[in-house]
Full PDB file with SEQRES, HELIX, SHEET, SSBOND, CRYST1, ORIGX, SCALE, CONECT and MASTER records, all heavy atoms in Angstrom:
SEQRES   1 A   35  ALA LEU THR THR PHE SER ILE ALA ASN ASP ILE ALA LYS          
SEQRES   2 A   35  TYR PHE ALA ILE ILE PRO ALA MET PHE ALA GLY ILE TYR          
SEQRES   3 A   35  PRO SER LEU ASP ARG LEU ASN VAL MET                          
HELIX    1 AA1 LEU A    2  PHE A   22  1                                  21    
HELIX    2 AA2 PRO A   27  LEU A   32  5                                   6    
CRYST1    1.000    1.000    1.000  90.00  90.00  90.00 P 1           1          
ORIGX1      1.000000  0.000000  0.000000        0.00000                         
ORIGX2      0.000000  1.000000  0.000000        0.00000                         
ORIGX3      0.000000  0.000000  1.000000        0.00000                         
SCALE1      1.000000  0.000000  0.000000        0.00000                         
SCALE2      0.000000  1.000000  0.000000        0.00000                         
SCALE3      0.000000  0.000000  1.000000        0.00000                         
ATOM      1  N   ALA A   1       0.823  -1.208   0.000  1.00  0.00           N  
ATOM      2  CA  ALA A   1       0.000   0.000   0.000  1.00  0.00           C  
ATOM      3  C   ALA A   1       0.855   1.256   0.000  1.00  0.00           C  
ATOM      4  O   ALA A   1       0.604   2.205  -0.757  1.00  0.00           O  
ATOM      5  CB  ALA A   1      -0.929  -0.010   1.216  1.00  0.00           C  
ATOM      6  N   LEU A   2       1.890   1.281   0.837  1.00  0.00           N  
ATOM      7  CA  LEU A   2       2.732   2.471   0.916  1.00  0.00           C  
ATOM      8  C   LEU A   2       3.628   2.612  -0.310  1.00  0.00           C  
ATOM      9  O   LEU A   2       3.992   3.729  -0.700  1.00  0.00           O  
ATOM     10  CB  LEU A   2       3.564   2.440   2.199  1.00  0.00           C  
ATOM     11  CG  LEU A   2       2.758   2.626   3.489  1.00  0.00           C  
ATOM     12  CD1 LEU A   2       3.671   2.629   4.704  1.00  0.00           C  
ATOM     13  CD2 LEU A   2       1.954   3.912   3.443  1.00  0.00           C  
ATOM     14  N   THR A   3       3.994   1.493  -0.934  1.00  0.00           N  
ATOM     15  CA  THR A   3       4.740   1.579  -2.190  1.00  0.00           C  
ATOM     16  C   THR A   3       3.867   2.205  -3.276  1.00  0.00           C  
ATOM     17  O   THR A   3       4.319   3.078  -4.035  1.00  0.00           O  
ATOM     18  CB  THR A   3       5.208   0.184  -2.640  1.00  0.00           C  
ATOM     19  OG1 THR A   3       6.051  -0.379  -1.630  1.00  0.00           O  
ATOM     20  CG2 THR A   3       5.986   0.258  -3.940  1.00  0.00           C  
ATOM     21  N   THR A   4       2.614   1.773  -3.342  1.00  0.00           N  
ATOM     22  CA  THR A   4       1.671   2.356  -4.304  1.00  0.00           C  
ATOM     23  C   THR A   4       1.492   3.846  -4.052  1.00  0.00           C  
ATOM     24  O   THR A   4       1.515   4.662  -4.984  1.00  0.00           O  
ATOM     25  CB  THR A   4       0.309   1.645  -4.204  1.00  0.00           C  
ATOM     26  OG1 THR A   4       0.490   0.245  -4.419  1.00  0.00           O  
ATOM     27  CG2 THR A   4      -0.665   2.186  -5.234  1.00  0.00           C  
ATOM     28  N   PHE A   5       1.312   4.207  -2.784  1.00  0.00           N  
ATOM     29  CA  PHE A   5       1.130   5.621  -2.423  1.00  0.00           C  
ATOM     30  C   PHE A   5       2.367   6.431  -2.801  1.00  0.00           C  
ATOM     31  O   PHE A   5       2.265   7.541  -3.339  1.00  0.00           O  
ATOM     32  CB  PHE A   5       0.859   5.733  -0.920  1.00  0.00           C  
ATOM     33  CG  PHE A   5       0.556   7.125  -0.450  1.00  0.00           C  
ATOM     34  CD1 PHE A   5      -0.738   7.606  -0.442  1.00  0.00           C  
ATOM     35  CD2 PHE A   5       1.568   7.969  -0.007  1.00  0.00           C  
ATOM     36  CE1 PHE A   5      -1.026   8.891  -0.014  1.00  0.00           C  
ATOM     37  CE2 PHE A   5       1.298   9.248   0.419  1.00  0.00           C  
ATOM     38  CZ  PHE A   5      -0.012   9.716   0.419  1.00  0.00           C  
ATOM     39  N   SER A   6       3.548   5.873  -2.531  1.00  0.00           N  
ATOM     40  CA  SER A   6       4.792   6.598  -2.796  1.00  0.00           C  
ATOM     41  C   SER A   6       4.980   6.864  -4.283  1.00  0.00           C  
ATOM     42  O   SER A   6       5.326   7.981  -4.692  1.00  0.00           O  
ATOM     43  CB  SER A   6       5.981   5.795  -2.253  1.00  0.00           C  
ATOM     44  OG  SER A   6       7.204   6.421  -2.550  1.00  0.00           O  
ATOM     45  N   ILE A   7       4.748   5.844  -5.110  1.00  0.00           N  
ATOM     46  CA  ILE A   7       4.941   6.017  -6.551  1.00  0.00           C  
ATOM     47  C   ILE A   7       3.884   6.957  -7.139  1.00  0.00           C  
ATOM     48  O   ILE A   7       4.178   7.788  -8.005  1.00  0.00           O  
ATOM     49  CB  ILE A   7       4.911   4.649  -7.249  1.00  0.00           C  
ATOM     50  CG1 ILE A   7       6.118   3.811  -6.790  1.00  0.00           C  
ATOM     51  CG2 ILE A   7       4.911   4.793  -8.760  1.00  0.00           C  
ATOM     52  CD1 ILE A   7       6.149   2.403  -7.321  1.00  0.00           C  
ATOM     53  N   ALA A   8       2.641   6.840  -6.636  1.00  0.00           N  
ATOM     54  CA  ALA A   8       1.578   7.730  -7.118  1.00  0.00           C  
ATOM     55  C   ALA A   8       1.859   9.185  -6.759  1.00  0.00           C  
ATOM     56  O   ALA A   8       1.414  10.105  -7.463  1.00  0.00           O  
ATOM     57  CB  ALA A   8       0.238   7.293  -6.537  1.00  0.00           C  
ATOM     58  N   ASN A   9       2.597   9.423  -5.670  1.00  0.00           N  
ATOM     59  CA  ASN A   9       2.977  10.778  -5.269  1.00  0.00           C  
ATOM     60  C   ASN A   9       3.685  11.532  -6.392  1.00  0.00           C  
ATOM     61  O   ASN A   9       3.569  12.754  -6.517  1.00  0.00           O  
ATOM     62  CB  ASN A   9       3.940  10.710  -4.072  1.00  0.00           C  
ATOM     63  CG  ASN A   9       3.226  10.974  -2.759  1.00  0.00           C  
ATOM     64  OD1 ASN A   9       2.442  11.901  -2.654  1.00  0.00           O  
ATOM     65  ND2 ASN A   9       3.503  10.154  -1.771  1.00  0.00           N  
ATOM     66  N   ASP A  10       4.461  10.783  -7.178  1.00  0.00           N  
ATOM     67  CA  ASP A  10       5.290  11.423  -8.198  1.00  0.00           C  
ATOM     68  C   ASP A  10       4.459  12.204  -9.212  1.00  0.00           C  
ATOM     69  O   ASP A  10       4.927  13.192  -9.780  1.00  0.00           O  
ATOM     70  CB  ASP A  10       6.126  10.370  -8.932  1.00  0.00           C  
ATOM     71  CG  ASP A  10       7.235   9.814  -8.051  1.00  0.00           C  
ATOM     72  OD1 ASP A  10       7.520  10.425  -7.007  1.00  0.00           O  
ATOM     73  OD2 ASP A  10       7.801   8.769  -8.412  1.00  0.00           O  
ATOM     74  N   ILE A  11       3.231  11.740  -9.454  1.00  0.00           N  
ATOM     75  CA  ILE A  11       2.400  12.407 -10.461  1.00  0.00           C  
ATOM     76  C   ILE A  11       2.128  13.849 -10.052  1.00  0.00           C  
ATOM     77  O   ILE A  11       2.296  14.793 -10.845  1.00  0.00           O  
ATOM     78  CB  ILE A  11       1.084  11.627 -10.660  1.00  0.00           C  
ATOM     79  CG1 ILE A  11       1.388  10.228 -11.213  1.00  0.00           C  
ATOM     80  CG2 ILE A  11       0.142  12.389 -11.582  1.00  0.00           C  
ATOM     81  CD1 ILE A  11       0.170   9.353 -11.364  1.00  0.00           C  
ATOM     82  N   ALA A  12       1.706  14.052  -8.791  1.00  0.00           N  
ATOM     83  CA  ALA A  12       1.404  15.408  -8.327  1.00  0.00           C  
ATOM     84  C   ALA A  12       2.662  16.258  -8.288  1.00  0.00           C  
ATOM     85  O   ALA A  12       2.640  17.438  -8.676  1.00  0.00           O  
ATOM     86  CB  ALA A  12       0.759  15.344  -6.943  1.00  0.00           C  
ATOM     87  N   LYS A  13       3.773  15.666  -7.839  1.00  0.00           N  
ATOM     88  CA  LYS A  13       5.014  16.444  -7.760  1.00  0.00           C  
ATOM     89  C   LYS A  13       5.534  16.786  -9.156  1.00  0.00           C  
ATOM     90  O   LYS A  13       6.162  17.831  -9.360  1.00  0.00           O  
ATOM     91  CB  LYS A  13       6.049  15.673  -6.933  1.00  0.00           C  
ATOM     92  CG  LYS A  13       5.705  15.651  -5.439  1.00  0.00           C  
ATOM     93  CD  LYS A  13       6.703  14.877  -4.605  1.00  0.00           C  
ATOM     94  CE  LYS A  13       6.501  13.393  -4.694  1.00  0.00           C  
ATOM     95  NZ  LYS A  13       7.324  12.637  -3.729  1.00  0.00           N  
ATOM     96  N   TYR A  14       5.240  15.926 -10.109  1.00  0.00           N  
ATOM     97  CA  TYR A  14       5.602  16.221 -11.503  1.00  0.00           C  
ATOM     98  C   TYR A  14       4.859  17.468 -11.974  1.00  0.00           C  
ATOM     99  O   TYR A  14       5.453  18.375 -12.579  1.00  0.00           O  
ATOM    100  CB  TYR A  14       5.244  15.017 -12.370  1.00  0.00           C  
ATOM    101  CG  TYR A  14       5.355  15.256 -13.858  1.00  0.00           C  
ATOM    102  CD1 TYR A  14       6.552  15.046 -14.520  1.00  0.00           C  
ATOM    103  CD2 TYR A  14       4.249  15.680 -14.597  1.00  0.00           C  
ATOM    104  CE1 TYR A  14       6.655  15.264 -15.889  1.00  0.00           C  
ATOM    105  CE2 TYR A  14       4.344  15.900 -15.963  1.00  0.00           C  
ATOM    106  CZ  TYR A  14       5.546  15.685 -16.599  1.00  0.00           C  
ATOM    107  OH  TYR A  14       5.641  15.906 -17.952  1.00  0.00           O  
ATOM    108  N   PHE A  15       3.554  17.519 -11.697  1.00  0.00           N  
ATOM    109  CA  PHE A  15       2.764  18.682 -12.109  1.00  0.00           C  
ATOM    110  C   PHE A  15       3.152  19.939 -11.335  1.00  0.00           C  
ATOM    111  O   PHE A  15       2.876  21.054 -11.781  1.00  0.00           O  
ATOM    112  CB  PHE A  15       1.267  18.400 -11.914  1.00  0.00           C  
ATOM    113  CG  PHE A  15       0.650  17.627 -13.033  1.00  0.00           C  
ATOM    114  CD1 PHE A  15       0.500  16.263 -12.944  1.00  0.00           C  
ATOM    115  CD2 PHE A  15       0.235  18.269 -14.186  1.00  0.00           C  
ATOM    116  CE1 PHE A  15      -0.068  15.542 -13.986  1.00  0.00           C  
ATOM    117  CE2 PHE A  15      -0.333  17.555 -15.235  1.00  0.00           C  
ATOM    118  CZ  PHE A  15      -0.484  16.183 -15.141  1.00  0.00           C  
ATOM    119  N   ALA A  16       3.787  19.795 -10.188  1.00  0.00           N  
ATOM    120  CA  ALA A  16       4.211  20.964  -9.415  1.00  0.00           C  
ATOM    121  C   ALA A  16       5.540  21.504  -9.905  1.00  0.00           C  
ATOM    122  O   ALA A  16       5.715  22.725 -10.055  1.00  0.00           O  
ATOM    123  CB  ALA A  16       4.305  20.601  -7.929  1.00  0.00           C  
ATOM    124  N   ILE A  17       6.506  20.638 -10.191  1.00  0.00           N  
ATOM    125  CA  ILE A  17       7.881  21.082 -10.441  1.00  0.00           C  
ATOM    126  C   ILE A  17       8.173  21.317 -11.920  1.00  0.00           C  
ATOM    127  O   ILE A  17       8.781  22.330 -12.291  1.00  0.00           O  
ATOM    128  CB  ILE A  17       8.873  20.061  -9.858  1.00  0.00           C  
ATOM    129  CG1 ILE A  17       8.756  20.049  -8.329  1.00  0.00           C  
ATOM    130  CG2 ILE A  17      10.295  20.393 -10.265  1.00  0.00           C  
ATOM    131  CD1 ILE A  17       9.706  19.104  -7.643  1.00  0.00           C  
ATOM    132  N   ILE A  18       7.756  20.390 -12.787  1.00  0.00           N  
ATOM    133  CA  ILE A  18       8.118  20.510 -14.204  1.00  0.00           C  
ATOM    134  C   ILE A  18       7.614  21.823 -14.821  1.00  0.00           C  
ATOM    135  O   ILE A  18       8.376  22.520 -15.507  1.00  0.00           O  
ATOM    136  CB  ILE A  18       7.611  19.290 -15.003  1.00  0.00           C  
ATOM    137  CG1 ILE A  18       8.308  18.014 -14.515  1.00  0.00           C  
ATOM    138  CG2 ILE A  18       7.853  19.487 -16.495  1.00  0.00           C  
ATOM    139  CD1 ILE A  18       9.812  18.021 -14.661  1.00  0.00           C  
ATOM    140  N   PRO A  19       6.338  22.214 -14.615  1.00  0.00           N  
ATOM    141  CA  PRO A  19       5.914  23.508 -15.170  1.00  0.00           C  
ATOM    142  C   PRO A  19       6.726  24.670 -14.607  1.00  0.00           C  
ATOM    143  O   PRO A  19       7.039  25.629 -15.318  1.00  0.00           O  
ATOM    144  CB  PRO A  19       4.442  23.606 -14.760  1.00  0.00           C  
ATOM    145  CG  PRO A  19       4.015  22.199 -14.557  1.00  0.00           C  
ATOM    146  CD  PRO A  19       5.210  21.499 -14.006  1.00  0.00           C  
ATOM    147  N   ALA A  20       7.078  24.565 -13.295  1.00  0.00           N  
ATOM    148  CA  ALA A  20       7.845  25.646 -12.680  1.00  0.00           C  
ATOM    149  C   ALA A  20       9.232  25.765 -13.307  1.00  0.00           C  
ATOM    150  O   ALA A  20       9.780  26.867 -13.423  1.00  0.00           O  
ATOM    151  CB  ALA A  20       7.967  25.402 -11.174  1.00  0.00           C  
ATOM    152  N   MET A  21       9.789  24.663 -13.738  1.00  0.00           N  
ATOM    153  CA  MET A  21      11.137  24.670 -14.291  1.00  0.00           C  
ATOM    154  C   MET A  21      11.173  25.100 -15.753  1.00  0.00           C  
ATOM    155  O   MET A  21      12.107  25.770 -16.201  1.00  0.00           O  
ATOM    156  CB  MET A  21      11.765  23.273 -14.147  1.00  0.00           C  
ATOM    157  CG  MET A  21      11.975  22.826 -12.709  1.00  0.00           C  
ATOM    158  SD  MET A  21      12.577  21.135 -12.600  1.00  0.00           S  
ATOM    159  CE  MET A  21      14.153  21.273 -13.397  1.00  0.00           C  
ATOM    160  N   PHE A  22      10.149  24.732 -16.543  1.00  0.00           N  
ATOM    161  CA  PHE A  22      10.239  24.917 -17.990  1.00  0.00           C  
ATOM    162  C   PHE A  22       9.247  25.914 -18.574  1.00  0.00           C  
ATOM    163  O   PHE A  22       9.306  26.215 -19.760  1.00  0.00           O  
ATOM    164  CB  PHE A  22      10.038  23.567 -18.692  1.00  0.00           C  
ATOM    165  CG  PHE A  22      11.205  22.648 -18.563  1.00  0.00           C  
ATOM    166  CD1 PHE A  22      11.202  21.635 -17.609  1.00  0.00           C  
ATOM    167  CD2 PHE A  22      12.314  22.789 -19.382  1.00  0.00           C  
ATOM    168  CE1 PHE A  22      12.272  20.783 -17.497  1.00  0.00           C  
ATOM    169  CE2 PHE A  22      13.396  21.932 -19.272  1.00  0.00           C  
ATOM    170  CZ  PHE A  22      13.383  20.929 -18.321  1.00  0.00           C  
ATOM    171  N   ALA A  23       8.316  26.394 -17.761  1.00  0.00           N  
ATOM    172  CA  ALA A  23       7.300  27.286 -18.322  1.00  0.00           C  
ATOM    173  C   ALA A  23       7.915  28.551 -18.890  1.00  0.00           C  
ATOM    174  O   ALA A  23       7.395  29.144 -19.842  1.00  0.00           O  
ATOM    175  CB  ALA A  23       6.254  27.626 -17.260  1.00  0.00           C  
ATOM    176  N   GLY A  24       9.052  28.990 -18.304  1.00  0.00           N  
ATOM    177  CA  GLY A  24       9.706  30.188 -18.819  1.00  0.00           C  
ATOM    178  C   GLY A  24      10.268  29.981 -20.204  1.00  0.00           C  
ATOM    179  O   GLY A  24      10.361  30.916 -21.005  1.00  0.00           O  
ATOM    180  N   ILE A  25      10.685  28.743 -20.498  1.00  0.00           N  
ATOM    181  CA  ILE A  25      11.247  28.428 -21.818  1.00  0.00           C  
ATOM    182  C   ILE A  25      10.129  28.054 -22.789  1.00  0.00           C  
ATOM    183  O   ILE A  25      10.108  28.500 -23.943  1.00  0.00           O  
ATOM    184  CB  ILE A  25      12.266  27.281 -21.699  1.00  0.00           C  
ATOM    185  CG1 ILE A  25      13.398  27.685 -20.759  1.00  0.00           C  
ATOM    186  CG2 ILE A  25      12.806  26.887 -23.066  1.00  0.00           C  
ATOM    187  CD1 ILE A  25      14.378  26.582 -20.493  1.00  0.00           C  
ATOM    188  N   TYR A  26       9.219  27.218 -22.286  1.00  0.00           N  
ATOM    189  CA  TYR A  26       8.090  26.797 -23.103  1.00  0.00           C  
ATOM    190  C   TYR A  26       6.803  27.278 -22.430  1.00  0.00           C  
ATOM    191  O   TYR A  26       6.234  26.576 -21.590  1.00  0.00           O  
ATOM    192  CB  TYR A  26       8.063  25.272 -23.245  1.00  0.00           C  
ATOM    193  CG  TYR A  26       9.295  24.692 -23.890  1.00  0.00           C  
ATOM    194  CD1 TYR A  26      10.259  24.034 -23.133  1.00  0.00           C  
ATOM    195  CD2 TYR A  26       9.490  24.811 -25.266  1.00  0.00           C  
ATOM    196  CE1 TYR A  26      11.393  23.498 -23.736  1.00  0.00           C  
ATOM    197  CE2 TYR A  26      10.625  24.278 -25.872  1.00  0.00           C  
ATOM    198  CZ  TYR A  26      11.571  23.626 -25.098  1.00  0.00           C  
ATOM    199  OH  TYR A  26      12.699  23.107 -25.688  1.00  0.00           O  
ATOM    200  N   PRO A  27       6.335  28.475 -22.755  1.00  0.00           N  
ATOM    201  CA  PRO A  27       5.144  29.035 -22.095  1.00  0.00           C  
ATOM    202  C   PRO A  27       3.933  28.115 -22.159  1.00  0.00           C  
ATOM    203  O   PRO A  27       3.093  28.125 -21.257  1.00  0.00           O  
ATOM    204  CB  PRO A  27       4.904  30.336 -22.877  1.00  0.00           C  
ATOM    205  CG  PRO A  27       6.248  30.698 -23.406  1.00  0.00           C  
ATOM    206  CD  PRO A  27       6.920  29.415 -23.740  1.00  0.00           C  
ATOM    207  N   SER A  28       3.860  27.296 -23.179  1.00  0.00           N  
ATOM    208  CA  SER A  28       2.699  26.406 -23.286  1.00  0.00           C  
ATOM    209  C   SER A  28       2.642  25.390 -22.150  1.00  0.00           C  
ATOM    210  O   SER A  28       1.573  24.862 -21.821  1.00  0.00           O  
ATOM    211  CB  SER A  28       2.723  25.674 -24.632  1.00  0.00           C  
ATOM    212  OG  SER A  28       3.923  24.912 -24.767  1.00  0.00           O  
ATOM    213  N   LEU A  29       3.795  25.117 -21.520  1.00  0.00           N  
ATOM    214  CA  LEU A  29       3.819  24.158 -20.399  1.00  0.00           C  
ATOM    215  C   LEU A  29       3.126  24.713 -19.158  1.00  0.00           C  
ATOM    216  O   LEU A  29       2.852  23.969 -18.217  1.00  0.00           O  
ATOM    217  CB  LEU A  29       5.261  23.780 -20.053  1.00  0.00           C  
ATOM    218  CG  LEU A  29       5.971  22.832 -21.027  1.00  0.00           C  
ATOM    219  CD1 LEU A  29       7.399  22.574 -20.563  1.00  0.00           C  
ATOM    220  CD2 LEU A  29       5.214  21.528 -21.162  1.00  0.00           C  
ATOM    221  N   ASP A  30       2.847  26.036 -19.189  1.00  0.00           N  
ATOM    222  CA  ASP A  30       2.152  26.611 -18.031  1.00  0.00           C  
ATOM    223  C   ASP A  30       0.758  26.011 -17.862  1.00  0.00           C  
ATOM    224  O   ASP A  30       0.180  26.063 -16.778  1.00  0.00           O  
ATOM    225  CB  ASP A  30       2.059  28.131 -18.188  1.00  0.00           C  
ATOM    226  CG  ASP A  30       1.551  28.803 -16.922  1.00  0.00           C  
ATOM    227  OD1 ASP A  30       2.197  28.622 -15.869  1.00  0.00           O  
ATOM    228  OD2 ASP A  30       0.490  29.462 -16.982  1.00  0.00           O  
ATOM    229  N   ARG A  31       0.246  25.392 -18.926  1.00  0.00           N  
ATOM    230  CA  ARG A  31      -1.058  24.732 -18.811  1.00  0.00           C  
ATOM    231  C   ARG A  31      -1.008  23.552 -17.842  1.00  0.00           C  
ATOM    232  O   ARG A  31      -2.025  23.134 -17.298  1.00  0.00           O  
ATOM    233  CB  ARG A  31      -1.505  24.244 -20.186  1.00  0.00           C  
ATOM    234  CG  ARG A  31      -1.721  25.360 -21.209  1.00  0.00           C  
ATOM    235  CD  ARG A  31      -1.988  24.784 -22.582  1.00  0.00           C  
ATOM    236  NE  ARG A  31      -2.083  25.838 -23.600  1.00  0.00           N  
ATOM    237  CZ  ARG A  31      -2.187  25.607 -24.907  1.00  0.00           C  
ATOM    238  NH1 ARG A  31      -2.182  24.343 -25.352  1.00  0.00           N  
ATOM    239  NH2 ARG A  31      -2.271  26.606 -25.766  1.00  0.00           N  
ATOM    240  N   LEU A  32       0.206  22.993 -17.674  1.00  0.00           N  
ATOM    241  CA  LEU A  32       0.344  21.876 -16.728  1.00  0.00           C  
ATOM    242  C   LEU A  32       0.350  22.327 -15.274  1.00  0.00           C  
ATOM    243  O   LEU A  32       0.277  21.504 -14.361  1.00  0.00           O  
ATOM    244  CB  LEU A  32       1.630  21.098 -17.023  1.00  0.00           C  
ATOM    245  CG  LEU A  32       1.709  20.394 -18.380  1.00  0.00           C  
ATOM    246  CD1 LEU A  32       3.058  19.714 -18.531  1.00  0.00           C  
ATOM    247  CD2 LEU A  32       0.573  19.398 -18.536  1.00  0.00           C  
ATOM    248  N   ASN A  33       0.462  23.623 -15.064  1.00  0.00           N  
ATOM    249  CA  ASN A  33       0.447  24.151 -13.691  1.00  0.00           C  
ATOM    250  C   ASN A  33      -0.994  24.195 -13.193  1.00  0.00           C  
ATOM    251  O   ASN A  33      -1.563  25.257 -12.923  1.00  0.00           O  
ATOM    252  CB  ASN A  33       1.083  25.544 -13.658  1.00  0.00           C  
ATOM    253  CG  ASN A  33       1.212  26.092 -12.240  1.00  0.00           C  
ATOM    254  OD1 ASN A  33       1.074  25.354 -11.261  1.00  0.00           O  
ATOM    255  ND2 ASN A  33       1.448  27.392 -12.139  1.00  0.00           N  
ATOM    256  N   VAL A  34      -1.588  23.006 -13.091  1.00  0.00           N  
ATOM    257  CA  VAL A  34      -3.010  22.910 -12.745  1.00  0.00           C  
ATOM    258  C   VAL A  34      -3.295  23.388 -11.328  1.00  0.00           C  
ATOM    259  O   VAL A  34      -4.421  23.751 -11.003  1.00  0.00           O  
ATOM    260  CB  VAL A  34      -3.506  21.460 -12.923  1.00  0.00           C  
ATOM    261  CG1 VAL A  34      -3.473  21.064 -14.390  1.00  0.00           C  
ATOM    262  CG2 VAL A  34      -2.686  20.496 -12.080  1.00  0.00           C  
ATOM    263  N   MET A  35      -2.274  23.389 -10.464  1.00  0.00           N  
ATOM    264  CA  MET A  35      -2.473  23.858  -9.088  1.00  0.00           C  
ATOM    265  C   MET A  35      -2.339  25.372  -8.981  1.00  0.00           C  
ATOM    266  O   MET A  35      -2.591  25.932  -7.922  1.00  0.00           O  
ATOM    267  CB  MET A  35      -1.470  23.168  -8.151  1.00  0.00           C  
ATOM    268  CG  MET A  35      -1.765  21.699  -7.912  1.00  0.00           C  
ATOM    269  SD  MET A  35      -0.576  20.913  -6.799  1.00  0.00           S  
ATOM    270  CE  MET A  35       0.702  20.459  -7.948  1.00  0.00           C  
TER     271      MET A  35                                                      
MASTER        0    0    0    2    0    0    0    6  270    1    0    3          
END                                                                             
């Protein structure tokens, strides 16, 4: 259960960090900043 929870965590953190890192270069990625 905790392994499943841990791996699923990555999805939300992906949507948090990747847009923050690349939106300045690729403005279209700002759409991924759903939060």
